[in-house]
Amino acid sequence: IEFYSVLRSLRALEESDVVIIVIDAQQGMESQDVNLISLAE
């Protein structure tokens, strides 16, 4: 279920015009955030 949820999220990225990447200030930027931003770019 989580696997398909992630696929839906990536498809949402594909259909979007702009993405807002939300980062937790307490955790900081992690490698998954960087990967997501790179994918969006």
PDB file of all heavy atoms in Angstrom:
ATOM      1  N   ILE A   1       0.835  -1.192   0.000  1.00  0.00           N
ATOM      2  CA  ILE A   1       0.000   0.000   0.000  1.00  0.00           C
ATOM      3  C   ILE A   1       0.873   1.246   0.000  1.00  0.00           C
ATOM      4  O   ILE A   1       0.650   2.183  -0.762  1.00  0.00           O
ATOM      5  CB  ILE A   1      -0.961  -0.004   1.201  1.00  0.00           C
ATOM      6  CG1 ILE A   1      -1.931  -1.183   1.094  1.00  0.00           C
ATOM      7  CG2 ILE A   1      -1.728   1.307   1.282  1.00  0.00           C
ATOM      8  CD1 ILE A   1      -2.750  -1.417   2.354  1.00  0.00           C
ATOM      9  N   GLU A   2       1.897   1.261   0.864  1.00  0.00           N
ATOM     10  CA  GLU A   2       2.792   2.412   0.911  1.00  0.00           C
ATOM     11  C   GLU A   2       3.562   2.556  -0.398  1.00  0.00           C
ATOM     12  O   GLU A   2       3.786   3.663  -0.880  1.00  0.00           O
ATOM     13  CB  GLU A   2       3.770   2.285   2.079  1.00  0.00           C
ATOM     14  CG  GLU A   2       4.635   3.540   2.251  1.00  0.00           C
ATOM     15  CD  GLU A   2       5.579   3.472   3.435  1.00  0.00           C
ATOM     16  OE1 GLU A   2       5.547   2.465   4.166  1.00  0.00           O
ATOM     17  OE2 GLU A   2       6.356   4.421   3.615  1.00  0.00           O
ATOM     18  N   PHE A   3       3.953   1.433  -1.003  1.00  0.00           N
ATOM     19  CA  PHE A   3       4.663   1.457  -2.275  1.00  0.00           C
ATOM     20  C   PHE A   3       3.841   2.176  -3.345  1.00  0.00           C
ATOM     21  O   PHE A   3       4.332   3.070  -4.043  1.00  0.00           O
ATOM     22  CB  PHE A   3       4.979   0.025  -2.722  1.00  0.00           C
ATOM     23  CG  PHE A   3       5.573  -0.071  -4.109  1.00  0.00           C
ATOM     24  CD1 PHE A   3       6.890   0.291  -4.344  1.00  0.00           C
ATOM     25  CD2 PHE A   3       4.801  -0.518  -5.161  1.00  0.00           C
ATOM     26  CE1 PHE A   3       7.423   0.214  -5.624  1.00  0.00           C
ATOM     27  CE2 PHE A   3       5.327  -0.595  -6.444  1.00  0.00           C
ATOM     28  CZ  PHE A   3       6.643  -0.236  -6.671  1.00  0.00           C
ATOM     29  N   TYR A   4       2.559   1.794  -3.455  1.00  0.00           N
ATOM     30  CA  TYR A   4       1.699   2.430  -4.444  1.00  0.00           C
ATOM     31  C   TYR A   4       1.389   3.881  -4.086  1.00  0.00           C
ATOM     32  O   TYR A   4       1.193   4.718  -4.960  1.00  0.00           O
ATOM     33  CB  TYR A   4       0.417   1.622  -4.637  1.00  0.00           C
ATOM     34  CG  TYR A   4       0.654   0.332  -5.388  1.00  0.00           C
ATOM     35  CD1 TYR A   4       0.532  -0.893  -4.766  1.00  0.00           C
ATOM     36  CD2 TYR A   4       1.044   0.347  -6.723  1.00  0.00           C
ATOM     37  CE1 TYR A   4       0.785  -2.080  -5.445  1.00  0.00           C
ATOM     38  CE2 TYR A   4       1.309  -0.837  -7.409  1.00  0.00           C
ATOM     39  CZ  TYR A   4       1.173  -2.042  -6.769  1.00  0.00           C
ATOM     40  OH  TYR A   4       1.435  -3.211  -7.437  1.00  0.00           O
ATOM     41  N   SER A   5       1.355   4.191  -2.792  1.00  0.00           N
ATOM     42  CA  SER A   5       1.169   5.572  -2.364  1.00  0.00           C
ATOM     43  C   SER A   5       2.314   6.444  -2.851  1.00  0.00           C
ATOM     44  O   SER A   5       2.107   7.566  -3.318  1.00  0.00           O
ATOM     45  CB  SER A   5       1.064   5.655  -0.839  1.00  0.00           C
ATOM     46  OG  SER A   5      -0.061   4.967  -0.356  1.00  0.00           O
ATOM     47  N   VAL A   6       3.533   5.941  -2.724  1.00  0.00           N
ATOM     48  CA  VAL A   6       4.707   6.672  -3.188  1.00  0.00           C
ATOM     49  C   VAL A   6       4.643   6.873  -4.698  1.00  0.00           C
ATOM     50  O   VAL A   6       4.958   7.953  -5.207  1.00  0.00           O
ATOM     51  CB  VAL A   6       6.003   5.944  -2.766  1.00  0.00           C
ATOM     52  CG1 VAL A   6       7.213   6.588  -3.437  1.00  0.00           C
ATOM     53  CG2 VAL A   6       6.155   5.987  -1.247  1.00  0.00           C
ATOM     54  N   LEU A   7       4.225   5.833  -5.431  1.00  0.00           N
ATOM     55  CA  LEU A   7       4.070   5.963  -6.879  1.00  0.00           C
ATOM     56  C   LEU A   7       3.069   7.062  -7.220  1.00  0.00           C
ATOM     57  O   LEU A   7       3.266   7.832  -8.158  1.00  0.00           O
ATOM     58  CB  LEU A   7       3.613   4.630  -7.498  1.00  0.00           C
ATOM     59  CG  LEU A   7       4.635   3.496  -7.532  1.00  0.00           C
ATOM     60  CD1 LEU A   7       4.058   2.281  -8.261  1.00  0.00           C
ATOM     61  CD2 LEU A   7       5.925   3.939  -8.233  1.00  0.00           C
ATOM     62  N   ARG A   8       1.967   7.139  -6.463  1.00  0.00           N
ATOM     63  CA  ARG A   8       0.977   8.196  -6.687  1.00  0.00           C
ATOM     64  C   ARG A   8       1.600   9.576  -6.454  1.00  0.00           C
ATOM     65  O   ARG A   8       1.322  10.531  -7.171  1.00  0.00           O
ATOM     66  CB  ARG A   8      -0.222   8.025  -5.749  1.00  0.00           C
ATOM     67  CG  ARG A   8      -1.020   6.744  -5.951  1.00  0.00           C
ATOM     68  CD  ARG A   8      -1.854   6.783  -7.211  1.00  0.00           C
ATOM     69  NE  ARG A   8      -2.867   5.747  -7.214  1.00  0.00           N
ATOM     70  CZ  ARG A   8      -2.666   4.479  -7.572  1.00  0.00           C
ATOM     71  NH1 ARG A   8      -1.462   4.105  -7.956  1.00  0.00           N
ATOM     72  NH2 ARG A   8      -3.644   3.604  -7.549  1.00  0.00           N
ATOM     73  N   SER A   9       2.449   9.678  -5.444  1.00  0.00           N
ATOM     74  CA  SER A   9       3.110  10.942  -5.153  1.00  0.00           C
ATOM     75  C   SER A   9       4.025  11.356  -6.297  1.00  0.00           C
ATOM     76  O   SER A   9       4.074  12.523  -6.690  1.00  0.00           O
ATOM     77  CB  SER A   9       3.907  10.844  -3.852  1.00  0.00           C
ATOM     78  OG  SER A   9       3.053  10.642  -2.755  1.00  0.00           O
ATOM     79  N   LEU A  10       4.760  10.401  -6.831  1.00  0.00           N
ATOM     80  CA  LEU A  10       5.652  10.703  -7.944  1.00  0.00           C
ATOM     81  C   LEU A  10       4.853  11.073  -9.194  1.00  0.00           C
ATOM     82  O   LEU A  10       5.272  11.916  -9.982  1.00  0.00           O
ATOM     83  CB  LEU A  10       6.567   9.505  -8.218  1.00  0.00           C
ATOM     84  CG  LEU A  10       7.557   9.187  -7.087  1.00  0.00           C
ATOM     85  CD1 LEU A  10       8.350   7.927  -7.411  1.00  0.00           C
ATOM     86  CD2 LEU A  10       8.499  10.346  -6.830  1.00  0.00           C
ATOM     87  N   ARG A  11       3.691  10.464  -9.365  1.00  0.00           N
ATOM     88  CA  ARG A  11       2.832  10.841 -10.485  1.00  0.00           C
ATOM     89  C   ARG A  11       2.261  12.237 -10.277  1.00  0.00           C
ATOM     90  O   ARG A  11       2.104  13.000 -11.231  1.00  0.00           O
ATOM     91  CB  ARG A  11       1.706   9.827 -10.675  1.00  0.00           C
ATOM     92  CG  ARG A  11       0.951  10.037 -12.007  1.00  0.00           C
ATOM     93  CD  ARG A  11       0.052   8.886 -12.314  1.00  0.00           C
ATOM     94  NE  ARG A  11      -1.068   8.821 -11.408  1.00  0.00           N
ATOM     95  CZ  ARG A  11      -1.989   7.867 -11.408  1.00  0.00           C
ATOM     96  NH1 ARG A  11      -1.891   6.875 -12.239  1.00  0.00           N
ATOM     97  NH2 ARG A  11      -2.977   7.882 -10.550  1.00  0.00           N
ATOM     98  N   ALA A  12       1.957  12.587  -9.016  1.00  0.00           N
ATOM     99  CA  ALA A  12       1.497  13.942  -8.713  1.00  0.00           C
ATOM    100  C   ALA A  12       2.570  14.959  -9.074  1.00  0.00           C
ATOM    101  O   ALA A  12       2.269  16.048  -9.574  1.00  0.00           O
ATOM    102  CB  ALA A  12       1.128  14.063  -7.235  1.00  0.00           C
ATOM    103  N   LEU A  13       3.817  14.613  -8.818  1.00  0.00           N
ATOM    104  CA  LEU A  13       4.920  15.482  -9.218  1.00  0.00           C
ATOM    105  C   LEU A  13       4.915  15.680 -10.737  1.00  0.00           C
ATOM    106  O   LEU A  13       5.065  16.795 -11.232  1.00  0.00           O
ATOM    107  CB  LEU A  13       6.258  14.891  -8.752  1.00  0.00           C
ATOM    108  CG  LEU A  13       7.522  15.749  -8.959  1.00  0.00           C
ATOM    109  CD1 LEU A  13       8.565  15.398  -7.910  1.00  0.00           C
ATOM    110  CD2 LEU A  13       8.150  15.555 -10.340  1.00  0.00           C
ATOM    111  N   GLU A  14       4.728  14.595 -11.460  1.00  0.00           N
ATOM    112  CA  GLU A  14       4.734  14.651 -12.926  1.00  0.00           C
ATOM    113  C   GLU A  14       3.624  15.542 -13.469  1.00  0.00           C
ATOM    114  O   GLU A  14       3.829  16.278 -14.439  1.00  0.00           O
ATOM    115  CB  GLU A  14       4.595  13.245 -13.509  1.00  0.00           C
ATOM    116  CG  GLU A  14       5.819  12.365 -13.305  1.00  0.00           C
ATOM    117  CD  GLU A  14       5.608  10.947 -13.793  1.00  0.00           C
ATOM    118  OE1 GLU A  14       4.508  10.661 -14.330  1.00  0.00           O
ATOM    119  OE2 GLU A  14       6.515  10.109 -13.633  1.00  0.00           O
ATOM    120  N   GLU A  15       2.436  15.508 -12.876  1.00  0.00           N
ATOM    121  CA  GLU A  15       1.312  16.282 -13.402  1.00  0.00           C
ATOM    122  C   GLU A  15       1.293  17.721 -12.894  1.00  0.00           C
ATOM    123  O   GLU A  15       0.530  18.548 -13.388  1.00  0.00           O
ATOM    124  CB  GLU A  15      -0.022  15.613 -13.066  1.00  0.00           C
ATOM    125  CG  GLU A  15      -0.419  15.681 -11.597  1.00  0.00           C
ATOM    126  CD  GLU A  15      -1.860  15.273 -11.335  1.00  0.00           C
ATOM    127  OE1 GLU A  15      -2.761  15.886 -11.906  1.00  0.00           O
ATOM    128  OE2 GLU A  15      -2.064  14.319 -10.556  1.00  0.00           O
ATOM    129  N   SER A  16       2.138  18.055 -11.928  1.00  0.00           N
ATOM    130  CA  SER A  16       2.136  19.388 -11.340  1.00  0.00           C
ATOM    131  C   SER A  16       2.908  20.374 -12.200  1.00  0.00           C
ATOM    132  O   SER A  16       3.735  20.010 -13.039  1.00  0.00           O
ATOM    133  CB  SER A  16       2.747  19.346  -9.937  1.00  0.00           C
ATOM    134  OG  SER A  16       4.127  19.030  -9.999  1.00  0.00           O
ATOM    135  N   ASP A  17       2.637  21.662 -11.985  1.00  0.00           N
ATOM    136  CA  ASP A  17       3.409  22.731 -12.601  1.00  0.00           C
ATOM    137  C   ASP A  17       4.503  23.221 -11.655  1.00  0.00           C
ATOM    138  O   ASP A  17       5.607  23.552 -12.071  1.00  0.00           O
ATOM    139  CB  ASP A  17       2.481  23.894 -12.966  1.00  0.00           C
ATOM    140  CG  ASP A  17       1.399  23.486 -13.949  1.00  0.00           C
ATOM    141  OD1 ASP A  17       1.739  23.168 -15.099  1.00  0.00           O
ATOM    142  OD2 ASP A  17       0.201  23.456 -13.569  1.00  0.00           O
ATOM    143  N   VAL A  18       4.158  23.275 -10.366  1.00  0.00           N
ATOM    144  CA  VAL A  18       5.083  23.726  -9.321  1.00  0.00           C
ATOM    145  C   VAL A  18       5.011  22.746  -8.158  1.00  0.00           C
ATOM    146  O   VAL A  18       3.940  22.222  -7.856  1.00  0.00           O
ATOM    147  CB  VAL A  18       4.723  25.151  -8.827  1.00  0.00           C
ATOM    148  CG1 VAL A  18       5.654  25.596  -7.698  1.00  0.00           C
ATOM    149  CG2 VAL A  18       4.759  26.151  -9.974  1.00  0.00           C
ATOM    150  N   VAL A  19       6.150  22.483  -7.513  1.00  0.00           N
ATOM    151  CA  VAL A  19       6.158  21.639  -6.319  1.00  0.00           C
ATOM    152  C   VAL A  19       6.653  22.447  -5.128  1.00  0.00           C
ATOM    153  O   VAL A  19       7.587  23.252  -5.250  1.00  0.00           O
ATOM    154  CB  VAL A  19       7.025  20.369  -6.498  1.00  0.00           C
ATOM    155  CG1 VAL A  19       6.464  19.489  -7.602  1.00  0.00           C
ATOM    156  CG2 VAL A  19       8.474  20.720  -6.805  1.00  0.00           C
ATOM    157  N   ILE A  20       5.986  22.267  -4.011  1.00  0.00           N
ATOM    158  CA  ILE A  20       6.451  22.806  -2.738  1.00  0.00           C
ATOM    159  C   ILE A  20       7.067  21.651  -1.965  1.00  0.00           C
ATOM    160  O   ILE A  20       6.369  20.704  -1.602  1.00  0.00           O
ATOM    161  CB  ILE A  20       5.304  23.452  -1.933  1.00  0.00           C
ATOM    162  CG1 ILE A  20       4.726  24.654  -2.691  1.00  0.00           C
ATOM    163  CG2 ILE A  20       5.789  23.882  -0.545  1.00  0.00           C
ATOM    164  CD1 ILE A  20       3.472  25.232  -2.056  1.00  0.00           C
ATOM    165  N   ILE A  21       8.357  21.694  -1.764  1.00  0.00           N
ATOM    166  CA  ILE A  21       9.059  20.652  -1.015  1.00  0.00           C
ATOM    167  C   ILE A  21       9.076  21.064   0.452  1.00  0.00           C
ATOM    168  O   ILE A  21       9.674  22.087   0.812  1.00  0.00           O
ATOM    169  CB  ILE A  21      10.498  20.445  -1.523  1.00  0.00           C
ATOM    170  CG1 ILE A  21      10.528  20.218  -3.044  1.00  0.00           C
ATOM    171  CG2 ILE A  21      11.149  19.286  -0.778  1.00  0.00           C
ATOM    172  CD1 ILE A  21       9.910  18.950  -3.517  1.00  0.00           C
ATOM    173  N   VAL A  22       8.414  20.276   1.299  1.00  0.00           N
ATOM    174  CA  VAL A  22       8.332  20.597   2.725  1.00  0.00           C
ATOM    175  C   VAL A  22       9.440  19.852   3.464  1.00  0.00           C
ATOM    176  O   VAL A  22       9.581  18.632   3.339  1.00  0.00           O
ATOM    177  CB  VAL A  22       6.954  20.223   3.306  1.00  0.00           C
ATOM    178  CG1 VAL A  22       6.876  20.641   4.782  1.00  0.00           C
ATOM    179  CG2 VAL A  22       5.832  20.906   2.513  1.00  0.00           C
ATOM    180  N   ILE A  23      10.210  20.603   4.232  1.00  0.00           N
ATOM    181  CA  ILE A  23      11.325  20.045   5.008  1.00  0.00           C
ATOM    182  C   ILE A  23      11.098  20.344   6.480  1.00  0.00           C
ATOM    183  O   ILE A  23      10.663  21.436   6.844  1.00  0.00           O
ATOM    184  CB  ILE A  23      12.660  20.652   4.522  1.00  0.00           C
ATOM    185  CG1 ILE A  23      12.961  20.154   3.096  1.00  0.00           C
ATOM    186  CG2 ILE A  23      13.811  20.288   5.458  1.00  0.00           C
ATOM    187  CD1 ILE A  23      14.131  20.831   2.455  1.00  0.00           C
ATOM    188  N   ASP A  24      11.372  19.359   7.310  1.00  0.00           N
ATOM    189  CA  ASP A  24      11.251  19.513   8.760  1.00  0.00           C
ATOM    190  C   ASP A  24      12.481  20.270   9.279  1.00  0.00           C
ATOM    191  O   ASP A  24      13.609  19.790   9.147  1.00  0.00           O
ATOM    192  CB  ASP A  24      11.147  18.134   9.418  1.00  0.00           C
ATOM    193  CG  ASP A  24      10.799  18.200  10.901  1.00  0.00           C
ATOM    194  OD1 ASP A  24      11.320  19.102  11.599  1.00  0.00           O
ATOM    195  OD2 ASP A  24      10.026  17.354  11.379  1.00  0.00           O
ATOM    196  N   ALA A  25      12.258  21.439   9.863  1.00  0.00           N
ATOM    197  CA  ALA A  25      13.375  22.271  10.327  1.00  0.00           C
ATOM    198  C   ALA A  25      14.214  21.571  11.379  1.00  0.00           C
ATOM    199  O   ALA A  25      15.425  21.793  11.480  1.00  0.00           O
ATOM    200  CB  ALA A  25      12.840  23.594  10.877  1.00  0.00           C
ATOM    201  N   GLN A  26      13.599  20.705  12.180  1.00  0.00           N
ATOM    202  CA  GLN A  26      14.322  20.018  13.245  1.00  0.00           C
ATOM    203  C   GLN A  26      15.208  18.896  12.706  1.00  0.00           C
ATOM    204  O   GLN A  26      16.229  18.581  13.296  1.00  0.00           O
ATOM    205  CB  GLN A  26      13.333  19.468  14.280  1.00  0.00           C
ATOM    206  CG  GLN A  26      12.591  20.545  15.070  1.00  0.00           C
ATOM    207  CD  GLN A  26      11.656  19.964  16.091  1.00  0.00           C
ATOM    208  OE1 GLN A  26      10.708  19.240  15.776  1.00  0.00           O
ATOM    209  NE2 GLN A  26      11.895  20.254  17.347  1.00  0.00           N
ATOM    210  N   GLN A  27      14.810  18.317  11.587  1.00  0.00           N
ATOM    211  CA  GLN A  27      15.578  17.221  10.994  1.00  0.00           C
ATOM    212  C   GLN A  27      16.555  17.715   9.937  1.00  0.00           C
ATOM    213  O   GLN A  27      17.547  17.041   9.641  1.00  0.00           O
ATOM    214  CB  GLN A  27      14.636  16.188  10.387  1.00  0.00           C
ATOM    215  CG  GLN A  27      13.706  15.530  11.403  1.00  0.00           C
ATOM    216  CD  GLN A  27      12.720  14.569  10.768  1.00  0.00           C
ATOM    217  OE1 GLN A  27      12.827  14.240   9.595  1.00  0.00           O
ATOM    218  NE2 GLN A  27      11.739  14.111  11.534  1.00  0.00           N
ATOM    219  N   GLY A  28      16.259  18.882   9.358  1.00  0.00           N
ATOM    220  CA  GLY A  28      17.107  19.405   8.303  1.00  0.00           C
ATOM    221  C   GLY A  28      16.894  18.688   6.985  1.00  0.00           C
ATOM    222  O   GLY A  28      16.058  17.795   6.858  1.00  0.00           O
ATOM    223  N   MET A  29      17.669  19.076   6.007  1.00  0.00           N
ATOM    224  CA  MET A  29      17.567  18.469   4.678  1.00  0.00           C
ATOM    225  C   MET A  29      18.296  17.133   4.666  1.00  0.00           C
ATOM    226  O   MET A  29      19.461  17.034   5.047  1.00  0.00           O
ATOM    227  CB  MET A  29      18.147  19.411   3.616  1.00  0.00           C
ATOM    228  CG  MET A  29      18.094  18.844   2.200  1.00  0.00           C
ATOM    229  SD  MET A  29      18.623  20.037   0.956  1.00  0.00           S
ATOM    230  CE  MET A  29      17.178  21.075   0.849  1.00  0.00           C
ATOM    231  N   GLU A  30      17.607  16.100   4.208  1.00  0.00           N
ATOM    232  CA  GLU A  30      18.189  14.771   4.103  1.00  0.00           C
ATOM    233  C   GLU A  30      18.355  14.380   2.638  1.00  0.00           C
ATOM    234  O   GLU A  30      17.865  15.068   1.744  1.00  0.00           O
ATOM    235  CB  GLU A  30      17.320  13.756   4.855  1.00  0.00           C
ATOM    236  CG  GLU A  30      17.237  14.039   6.360  1.00  0.00           C
ATOM    237  CD  GLU A  30      16.521  12.948   7.138  1.00  0.00           C
ATOM    238  OE1 GLU A  30      16.099  11.941   6.513  1.00  0.00           O
ATOM    239  OE2 GLU A  30      16.366  13.090   8.362  1.00  0.00           O
ATOM    240  N   SER A  31      19.034  13.276   2.413  1.00  0.00           N
ATOM    241  CA  SER A  31      19.334  12.860   1.037  1.00  0.00           C
ATOM    242  C   SER A  31      18.072  12.650   0.213  1.00  0.00           C
ATOM    243  O   SER A  31      18.045  12.931  -0.991  1.00  0.00           O
ATOM    244  CB  SER A  31      20.165  11.577   1.048  1.00  0.00           C
ATOM    245  OG  SER A  31      19.479  10.524   1.723  1.00  0.00           O
ATOM    246  N   GLN A  32      16.974  12.185   0.862  1.00  0.00           N
ATOM    247  CA  GLN A  32      15.732  11.978   0.134  1.00  0.00           C
ATOM    248  C   GLN A  32      15.141  13.304  -0.353  1.00  0.00           C
ATOM    249  O   GLN A  32      14.553  13.363  -1.430  1.00  0.00           O
ATOM    250  CB  GLN A  32      14.725  11.239   1.024  1.00  0.00           C
ATOM    251  CG  GLN A  32      13.525  10.676   0.283  1.00  0.00           C
ATOM    252  CD  GLN A  32      13.888   9.595  -0.709  1.00  0.00           C
ATOM    253  OE1 GLN A  32      15.021   9.113  -0.750  1.00  0.00           O
ATOM    254  NE2 GLN A  32      12.944   9.223  -1.556  1.00  0.00           N
ATOM    255  N   ASP A  33      15.319  14.365   0.425  1.00  0.00           N
ATOM    256  CA  ASP A  33      14.873  15.693  -0.007  1.00  0.00           C
ATOM    257  C   ASP A  33      15.665  16.151  -1.231  1.00  0.00           C
ATOM    258  O   ASP A  33      15.098  16.679  -2.187  1.00  0.00           O
ATOM    259  CB  ASP A  33      15.044  16.715   1.125  1.00  0.00           C
ATOM    260  CG  ASP A  33      14.245  16.358   2.367  1.00  0.00           C
ATOM    261  OD1 ASP A  33      13.053  16.025   2.232  1.00  0.00           O
ATOM    262  OD2 ASP A  33      14.822  16.405   3.481  1.00  0.00           O
ATOM    263  N   VAL A  34      16.968  15.942  -1.189  1.00  0.00           N
ATOM    264  CA  VAL A  34      17.836  16.325  -2.310  1.00  0.00           C
ATOM    265  C   VAL A  34      17.439  15.563  -3.571  1.00  0.00           C
ATOM    266  O   VAL A  34      17.347  16.131  -4.668  1.00  0.00           O
ATOM    267  CB  VAL A  34      19.320  16.080  -1.971  1.00  0.00           C
ATOM    268  CG1 VAL A  34      20.208  16.400  -3.176  1.00  0.00           C
ATOM    269  CG2 VAL A  34      19.736  16.911  -0.764  1.00  0.00           C
ATOM    270  N   ASN A  35      17.184  14.256  -3.420  1.00  0.00           N
ATOM    271  CA  ASN A  35      16.772  13.433  -4.562  1.00  0.00           C
ATOM    272  C   ASN A  35      15.457  13.927  -5.158  1.00  0.00           C
ATOM    273  O   ASN A  35      15.284  13.965  -6.381  1.00  0.00           O
ATOM    274  CB  ASN A  35      16.633  11.972  -4.145  1.00  0.00           C
ATOM    275  CG  ASN A  35      17.951  11.335  -3.776  1.00  0.00           C
ATOM    276  OD1 ASN A  35      19.010  11.791  -4.208  1.00  0.00           O
ATOM    277  ND2 ASN A  35      17.910  10.275  -2.971  1.00  0.00           N
ATOM    278  N   LEU A  36      14.539  14.311  -4.284  1.00  0.00           N
ATOM    279  CA  LEU A  36      13.226  14.775  -4.729  1.00  0.00           C
ATOM    280  C   LEU A  36      13.349  16.096  -5.490  1.00  0.00           C
ATOM    281  O   LEU A  36      12.726  16.284  -6.535  1.00  0.00           O
ATOM    282  CB  LEU A  36      12.312  14.936  -3.517  1.00  0.00           C
ATOM    283  CG  LEU A  36      10.798  15.027  -3.745  1.00  0.00           C
ATOM    284  CD1 LEU A  36      10.301  13.832  -4.524  1.00  0.00           C
ATOM    285  CD2 LEU A  36      10.083  15.109  -2.396  1.00  0.00           C
ATOM    286  N   ILE A  37      14.167  17.001  -4.969  1.00  0.00           N
ATOM    287  CA  ILE A  37      14.385  18.286  -5.633  1.00  0.00           C
ATOM    288  C   ILE A  37      15.077  18.078  -6.979  1.00  0.00           C
ATOM    289  O   ILE A  37      14.717  18.712  -7.979  1.00  0.00           O
ATOM    290  CB  ILE A  37      15.203  19.221  -4.719  1.00  0.00           C
ATOM    291  CG1 ILE A  37      14.348  19.629  -3.506  1.00  0.00           C
ATOM    292  CG2 ILE A  37      15.676  20.458  -5.478  1.00  0.00           C
ATOM    293  CD1 ILE A  37      15.143  20.288  -2.394  1.00  0.00           C
ATOM    294  N   SER A  38      16.046  17.194  -7.021  1.00  0.00           N
ATOM    295  CA  SER A  38      16.747  16.900  -8.277  1.00  0.00           C
ATOM    296  C   SER A  38      15.793  16.312  -9.311  1.00  0.00           C
ATOM    297  O   SER A  38      15.864  16.648 -10.496  1.00  0.00           O
ATOM    298  CB  SER A  38      17.907  15.937  -8.025  1.00  0.00           C
ATOM    299  OG  SER A  38      18.858  16.495  -7.137  1.00  0.00           O
ATOM    300  N   LEU A  39      14.898  15.447  -8.859  1.00  0.00           N
ATOM    301  CA  LEU A  39      13.907  14.856  -9.757  1.00  0.00           C
ATOM    302  C   LEU A  39      12.977  15.933 -10.311  1.00  0.00           C
ATOM    303  O   LEU A  39      12.677  15.947 -11.507  1.00  0.00           O
ATOM    304  CB  LEU A  39      13.102  13.788  -9.019  1.00  0.00           C
ATOM    305  CG  LEU A  39      12.005  13.070  -9.824  1.00  0.00           C
ATOM    306  CD1 LEU A  39      12.607  12.314 -11.006  1.00  0.00           C
ATOM    307  CD2 LEU A  39      11.233  12.088  -8.924  1.00  0.00           C
ATOM    308  N   ALA A  40      12.525  16.840  -9.437  1.00  0.00           N
ATOM    309  CA  ALA A  40      11.657  17.932  -9.870  1.00  0.00           C
ATOM    310  C   ALA A  40      12.358  18.816 -10.896  1.00  0.00           C
ATOM    311  O   ALA A  40      11.756  19.249 -11.882  1.00  0.00           O
ATOM    312  CB  ALA A  40      11.203  18.753  -8.668  1.00  0.00           C
ATOM    313  N   GLU A  41      13.647  19.075 -10.658  1.00  0.00           N
ATOM    314  CA  GLU A  41      14.400  19.909 -11.600  1.00  0.00           C
ATOM    315  C   GLU A  41      14.530  19.218 -12.950  1.00  0.00           C
ATOM    316  O   GLU A  41      14.339  19.847 -14.003  1.00  0.00           O
ATOM    317  CB  GLU A  41      15.788  20.235 -11.029  1.00  0.00           C
ATOM    318  CG  GLU A  41      16.465  21.300 -11.866  1.00  0.00           C
ATOM    319  CD  GLU A  41      17.954  21.232 -11.932  1.00  0.00           C
ATOM    320  OE1 GLU A  41      18.485  20.123 -11.794  1.00  0.00           O
ATOM    321  OE2 GLU A  41      18.587  22.275 -12.178  1.00  0.00           O
TER     322      GLU A  41
END
